[in-house]
Amino acid sequence: DLIYLNATDTDITEIIKQISKSTGTNFLLDDSLKGKITIISEKPMTKEMAYQAFLSALEVMGYTTVTTPAGLVKIVPTKDALSKPLDIFKEDMHLTDRYITRIVSV
């Protein structure tokens, strides 16, 4: 399943709706979440690639994602993410633009 993710100066909530529909991810949004996103993709992407592009766009805007215990994905300002519970990964983690806790054995 490949998708196109093209958005020029599109409201962030519209992009979130597209990502939610294409990936099956449920998001929790705050009323303060505002901004416009531009993502240009001439080639189709896998759902995982599209989600990572979305995370990168959020990072540029000063936001990141935090997964709730119920499995919802909250979009929060990056500065607030450090006070929230973050996903924990060991050394075999994949690359991502969201904030995580990584455990490295020495």
N, C-alpha and C. Protein backbone atom coordinates (compact mmCIF):
# COMPACT_ATOMS: atom_id res chain seq x y z
N ASP A 1 0.84 -1.19 0.00
CA ASP A 1 0.00 0.00 0.00
C ASP A 1 0.88 1.24 0.00
N LEU A 2 0.91 1.94 -1.10
CA LEU A 2 1.68 3.18 -1.19
C LEU A 2 0.71 4.35 -1.23
N ILE A 3 1.14 5.47 -0.63
CA ILE A 3 0.30 6.66 -0.61
C ILE A 3 1.12 7.87 -1.03
N TYR A 4 0.43 8.88 -1.53
CA TYR A 4 1.04 10.17 -1.83
C TYR A 4 0.73 11.10 -0.67
N LEU A 5 1.71 11.82 -0.21
CA LEU A 5 1.52 12.78 0.87
C LEU A 5 2.01 14.13 0.38
N ASN A 6 1.13 14.85 -0.29
CA ASN A 6 1.45 16.18 -0.79
C ASN A 6 0.56 17.19 -0.08
N ALA A 7 1.16 18.19 0.49
CA ALA A 7 0.41 19.22 1.19
C ALA A 7 1.19 20.52 1.09
N THR A 8 0.53 21.55 0.61
CA THR A 8 1.16 22.86 0.52
C THR A 8 0.40 23.83 1.38
N ASP A 9 1.05 24.33 2.43
CA ASP A 9 0.46 25.30 3.34
C ASP A 9 -0.91 24.81 3.83
N THR A 10 -0.94 23.55 4.26
CA THR A 10 -2.17 22.89 4.71
C THR A 10 -2.25 22.93 6.23
N ASP A 11 -3.46 23.18 6.75
CA ASP A 11 -3.66 23.21 8.19
C ASP A 11 -3.23 21.88 8.81
N ILE A 12 -2.56 21.96 9.94
CA ILE A 12 -2.01 20.77 10.59
C ILE A 12 -3.07 19.73 10.90
N THR A 13 -4.28 20.16 11.26
CA THR A 13 -5.32 19.19 11.59
C THR A 13 -5.76 18.40 10.37
N GLU A 14 -5.70 18.99 9.19
CA GLU A 14 -6.05 18.27 7.96
C GLU A 14 -5.02 17.18 7.66
N ILE A 15 -3.74 17.49 7.88
CA ILE A 15 -2.68 16.49 7.68
C ILE A 15 -2.85 15.35 8.69
N ILE A 16 -3.18 15.69 9.92
CA ILE A 16 -3.39 14.67 10.95
C ILE A 16 -4.53 13.75 10.54
N LYS A 17 -5.60 14.30 10.00
CA LYS A 17 -6.73 13.48 9.53
C LYS A 17 -6.28 12.53 8.42
N GLN A 18 -5.47 13.02 7.48
CA GLN A 18 -4.97 12.17 6.38
C GLN A 18 -4.09 11.04 6.92
N ILE A 19 -3.19 11.37 7.84
CA ILE A 19 -2.29 10.36 8.41
C ILE A 19 -3.10 9.35 9.21
N SER A 20 -4.07 9.82 9.97
CA SER A 20 -4.90 8.91 10.76
C SER A 20 -5.64 7.93 9.86
N LYS A 21 -6.20 8.43 8.78
CA LYS A 21 -6.95 7.58 7.86
C LYS A 21 -6.05 6.57 7.16
N SER A 22 -4.88 7.00 6.74
CA SER A 22 -4.01 6.11 5.97
C SER A 22 -3.25 5.11 6.84
N THR A 23 -2.97 5.46 8.10
CA THR A 23 -2.19 4.56 8.96
C THR A 23 -3.03 3.86 10.03
N GLY A 24 -4.26 4.32 10.23
CA GLY A 24 -5.10 3.74 11.28
C GLY A 24 -4.70 4.17 12.67
N THR A 25 -3.96 5.26 12.78
CA THR A 25 -3.51 5.78 14.07
C THR A 25 -4.56 6.72 14.63
N ASN A 26 -4.84 6.60 15.92
CA ASN A 26 -5.79 7.50 16.59
C ASN A 26 -5.02 8.59 17.32
N PHE A 27 -5.40 9.83 17.07
CA PHE A 27 -4.70 10.98 17.65
C PHE A 27 -5.57 11.71 18.65
N LEU A 28 -4.93 12.33 19.62
CA LEU A 28 -5.57 13.19 20.60
C LEU A 28 -4.98 14.58 20.40
N LEU A 29 -5.85 15.55 20.08
CA LEU A 29 -5.38 16.89 19.75
C LEU A 29 -5.83 17.89 20.79
N ASP A 30 -4.99 18.86 21.06
CA ASP A 30 -5.31 19.96 21.95
C ASP A 30 -5.78 21.13 21.10
N ASP A 31 -6.65 21.98 21.65
CA ASP A 31 -7.15 23.15 20.92
C ASP A 31 -6.04 24.13 20.56
N SER A 32 -4.94 24.09 21.28
CA SER A 32 -3.84 25.03 20.99
C SER A 32 -2.98 24.61 19.80
N LEU A 33 -3.21 23.41 19.27
CA LEU A 33 -2.43 22.91 18.13
C LEU A 33 -2.82 23.69 16.88
N LYS A 34 -1.87 24.46 16.37
CA LYS A 34 -2.14 25.29 15.20
C LYS A 34 -0.90 25.35 14.32
N GLY A 35 -1.11 25.62 13.05
CA GLY A 35 0.00 25.80 12.14
C GLY A 35 -0.29 25.23 10.78
N LYS A 36 0.59 25.50 9.85
CA LYS A 36 0.47 25.02 8.47
C LYS A 36 1.68 24.15 8.16
N ILE A 37 1.43 23.11 7.36
CA ILE A 37 2.49 22.17 6.98
C ILE A 37 2.60 22.12 5.47
N THR A 38 3.83 22.02 4.98
CA THR A 38 4.09 21.76 3.57
C THR A 38 4.97 20.52 3.47
N ILE A 39 4.46 19.51 2.80
CA ILE A 39 5.22 18.29 2.52
C ILE A 39 5.06 18.04 1.03
N ILE A 40 6.18 17.94 0.33
CA ILE A 40 6.14 17.71 -1.11
C ILE A 40 6.74 16.34 -1.39
N SER A 41 5.94 15.49 -2.01
CA SER A 41 6.39 14.13 -2.33
C SER A 41 5.93 13.79 -3.73
N GLU A 42 6.85 13.65 -4.62
CA GLU A 42 6.52 13.29 -6.01
C GLU A 42 6.41 11.79 -6.19
N LYS A 43 6.93 11.03 -5.23
CA LYS A 43 6.88 9.58 -5.32
C LYS A 43 5.95 9.04 -4.23
N PRO A 44 5.28 7.95 -4.49
CA PRO A 44 4.46 7.35 -3.44
C PRO A 44 5.35 6.82 -2.31
N MET A 45 4.80 6.83 -1.10
CA MET A 45 5.54 6.37 0.08
C MET A 45 4.78 5.23 0.75
N THR A 46 5.51 4.42 1.48
CA THR A 46 4.85 3.43 2.32
C THR A 46 4.17 4.19 3.46
N LYS A 47 3.28 3.52 4.17
CA LYS A 47 2.62 4.16 5.30
C LYS A 47 3.63 4.56 6.37
N GLU A 48 4.63 3.74 6.60
CA GLU A 48 5.66 4.05 7.59
C GLU A 48 6.48 5.28 7.17
N MET A 49 6.83 5.35 5.88
CA MET A 49 7.57 6.52 5.39
C MET A 49 6.73 7.78 5.52
N ALA A 50 5.44 7.70 5.21
CA ALA A 50 4.55 8.86 5.32
C ALA A 50 4.44 9.30 6.78
N TYR A 51 4.34 8.33 7.70
CA TYR A 51 4.25 8.67 9.12
C TYR A 51 5.53 9.34 9.60
N GLN A 52 6.68 8.85 9.15
CA GLN A 52 7.95 9.47 9.53
C GLN A 52 8.07 10.89 8.95
N ALA A 53 7.58 11.09 7.72
CA ALA A 53 7.58 12.44 7.13
C ALA A 53 6.68 13.36 7.96
N PHE A 54 5.56 12.84 8.41
CA PHE A 54 4.65 13.59 9.27
C PHE A 54 5.33 13.96 10.58
N LEU A 55 6.05 13.00 11.20
CA LEU A 55 6.78 13.29 12.44
C LEU A 55 7.84 14.36 12.22
N SER A 56 8.51 14.31 11.09
CA SER A 56 9.52 15.32 10.78
C SER A 56 8.89 16.70 10.63
N ALA A 57 7.72 16.75 9.98
CA ALA A 57 7.02 18.03 9.83
C ALA A 57 6.59 18.57 11.19
N LEU A 58 6.12 17.68 12.08
CA LEU A 58 5.76 18.11 13.43
C LEU A 58 6.97 18.68 14.15
N GLU A 59 8.12 18.01 14.00
CA GLU A 59 9.34 18.47 14.66
C GLU A 59 9.72 19.87 14.21
N VAL A 60 9.61 20.13 12.92
CA VAL A 60 9.93 21.46 12.38
C VAL A 60 9.01 22.52 13.00
N MET A 61 7.77 22.13 13.29
CA MET A 61 6.80 23.06 13.86
C MET A 61 6.88 23.16 15.38
N GLY A 62 7.76 22.36 16.00
CA GLY A 62 7.92 22.42 17.45
C GLY A 62 7.02 21.47 18.22
N TYR A 63 6.54 20.41 17.55
CA TYR A 63 5.68 19.42 18.19
C TYR A 63 6.30 18.03 18.07
N THR A 64 5.83 17.13 18.91
CA THR A 64 6.22 15.72 18.82
C THR A 64 5.04 14.89 19.30
N THR A 65 5.19 13.57 19.24
CA THR A 65 4.10 12.68 19.66
C THR A 65 4.47 11.92 20.92
N VAL A 66 3.46 11.64 21.74
CA VAL A 66 3.61 10.83 22.94
C VAL A 66 2.45 9.85 22.94
N THR A 67 2.73 8.57 23.09
CA THR A 67 1.68 7.56 23.10
C THR A 67 1.12 7.41 24.51
N THR A 68 -0.21 7.43 24.61
CA THR A 68 -0.88 7.29 25.90
C THR A 68 -0.99 5.82 26.27
N PRO A 69 -1.27 5.51 27.54
CA PRO A 69 -1.46 4.11 27.93
C PRO A 69 -2.59 3.43 27.16
N ALA A 70 -3.57 4.20 26.69
CA ALA A 70 -4.70 3.63 25.94
C ALA A 70 -4.37 3.46 24.46
N GLY A 71 -3.17 3.86 24.04
CA GLY A 71 -2.77 3.70 22.65
C GLY A 71 -3.05 4.89 21.76
N LEU A 72 -3.63 5.95 22.31
CA LEU A 72 -3.81 7.18 21.53
C LEU A 72 -2.46 7.88 21.38
N VAL A 73 -2.32 8.63 20.31
CA VAL A 73 -1.09 9.39 20.10
C VAL A 73 -1.41 10.86 20.34
N LYS A 74 -0.81 11.42 21.40
CA LYS A 74 -1.01 12.84 21.70
C LYS A 74 0.05 13.64 20.96
N ILE A 75 -0.36 14.76 20.41
CA ILE A 75 0.58 15.68 19.79
C ILE A 75 0.78 16.83 20.78
N VAL A 76 2.02 16.97 21.25
CA VAL A 76 2.34 17.95 22.28
C VAL A 76 3.52 18.81 21.84
N PRO A 77 3.62 20.03 22.40
CA PRO A 77 4.82 20.83 22.12
C PRO A 77 6.07 20.06 22.58
N THR A 78 7.12 20.15 21.82
CA THR A 78 8.35 19.43 22.13
C THR A 78 8.84 19.75 23.54
N LYS A 79 8.71 20.99 23.96
CA LYS A 79 9.19 21.37 25.29
C LYS A 79 8.42 20.66 26.40
N ASP A 80 7.18 20.25 26.13
CA ASP A 80 6.37 19.55 27.13
C ASP A 80 6.58 18.04 27.09
N ALA A 81 7.19 17.53 26.03
CA ALA A 81 7.33 16.07 25.86
C ALA A 81 8.20 15.45 26.94
N LEU A 82 9.17 16.18 27.42
CA LEU A 82 10.09 15.61 28.41
C LEU A 82 9.41 15.35 29.75
N SER A 83 8.28 16.00 30.01
CA SER A 83 7.57 15.76 31.26
C SER A 83 6.52 14.67 31.12
N LYS A 84 6.37 14.11 29.92
CA LYS A 84 5.40 13.04 29.66
C LYS A 84 6.14 11.71 29.62
N PRO A 85 5.43 10.59 29.85
CA PRO A 85 6.08 9.29 29.70
C PRO A 85 6.43 9.03 28.24
N LEU A 86 7.68 8.73 27.97
CA LEU A 86 8.14 8.49 26.60
C LEU A 86 8.33 7.00 26.37
N ASP A 87 8.18 6.57 25.11
CA ASP A 87 8.44 5.18 24.75
C ASP A 87 9.90 4.84 25.03
N ILE A 88 10.14 3.62 25.50
CA ILE A 88 11.50 3.17 25.82
C ILE A 88 11.93 2.14 24.79
N PHE A 89 13.13 2.33 24.25
CA PHE A 89 13.69 1.41 23.27
C PHE A 89 15.06 0.98 23.75
N LYS A 90 15.41 -0.26 23.41
CA LYS A 90 16.77 -0.73 23.67
C LYS A 90 17.59 -0.43 22.44
N GLU A 91 18.72 -1.04 22.30
CA GLU A 91 19.64 -0.72 21.21
C GLU A 91 19.09 -1.02 19.82
N ASP A 92 18.10 -1.89 19.70
CA ASP A 92 17.61 -2.30 18.38
C ASP A 92 16.47 -1.42 17.87
N MET A 93 16.46 -0.16 18.22
CA MET A 93 15.39 0.73 17.80
C MET A 93 15.59 1.23 16.38
N HIS A 94 14.51 1.67 15.77
CA HIS A 94 14.59 2.26 14.44
C HIS A 94 14.71 3.78 14.56
N LEU A 95 15.09 4.42 13.48
CA LEU A 95 15.25 5.87 13.49
C LEU A 95 13.89 6.54 13.43
N THR A 96 13.73 7.60 14.17
CA THR A 96 12.47 8.34 14.19
C THR A 96 12.73 9.77 14.64
N ASP A 97 11.78 10.66 14.32
CA ASP A 97 11.88 12.05 14.75
C ASP A 97 11.05 12.36 15.98
N ARG A 98 10.47 11.33 16.61
CA ARG A 98 9.72 11.59 17.84
C ARG A 98 10.66 11.42 19.03
N TYR A 99 10.27 11.96 20.16
CA TYR A 99 11.09 11.87 21.35
C TYR A 99 10.86 10.53 22.02
N ILE A 100 11.96 9.87 22.40
CA ILE A 100 11.91 8.55 23.02
C ILE A 100 12.98 8.49 24.11
N THR A 101 12.92 7.45 24.92
CA THR A 101 13.99 7.13 25.86
C THR A 101 14.70 5.91 25.28
N ARG A 102 16.01 5.99 25.15
CA ARG A 102 16.78 4.90 24.58
C ARG A 102 17.73 4.37 25.64
N ILE A 103 17.70 3.07 25.86
CA ILE A 103 18.57 2.42 26.84
C ILE A 103 19.73 1.79 26.09
N VAL A 104 20.94 2.15 26.49
CA VAL A 104 22.15 1.64 25.86
C VAL A 104 22.97 0.90 26.91
N SER A 105 23.28 -0.37 26.65
CA SER A 105 24.12 -1.15 27.57
C SER A 105 25.57 -0.79 27.36
N VAL A 106 26.31 -0.68 28.45
CA VAL A 106 27.75 -0.38 28.32
C VAL A 106 28.57 -1.54 28.79
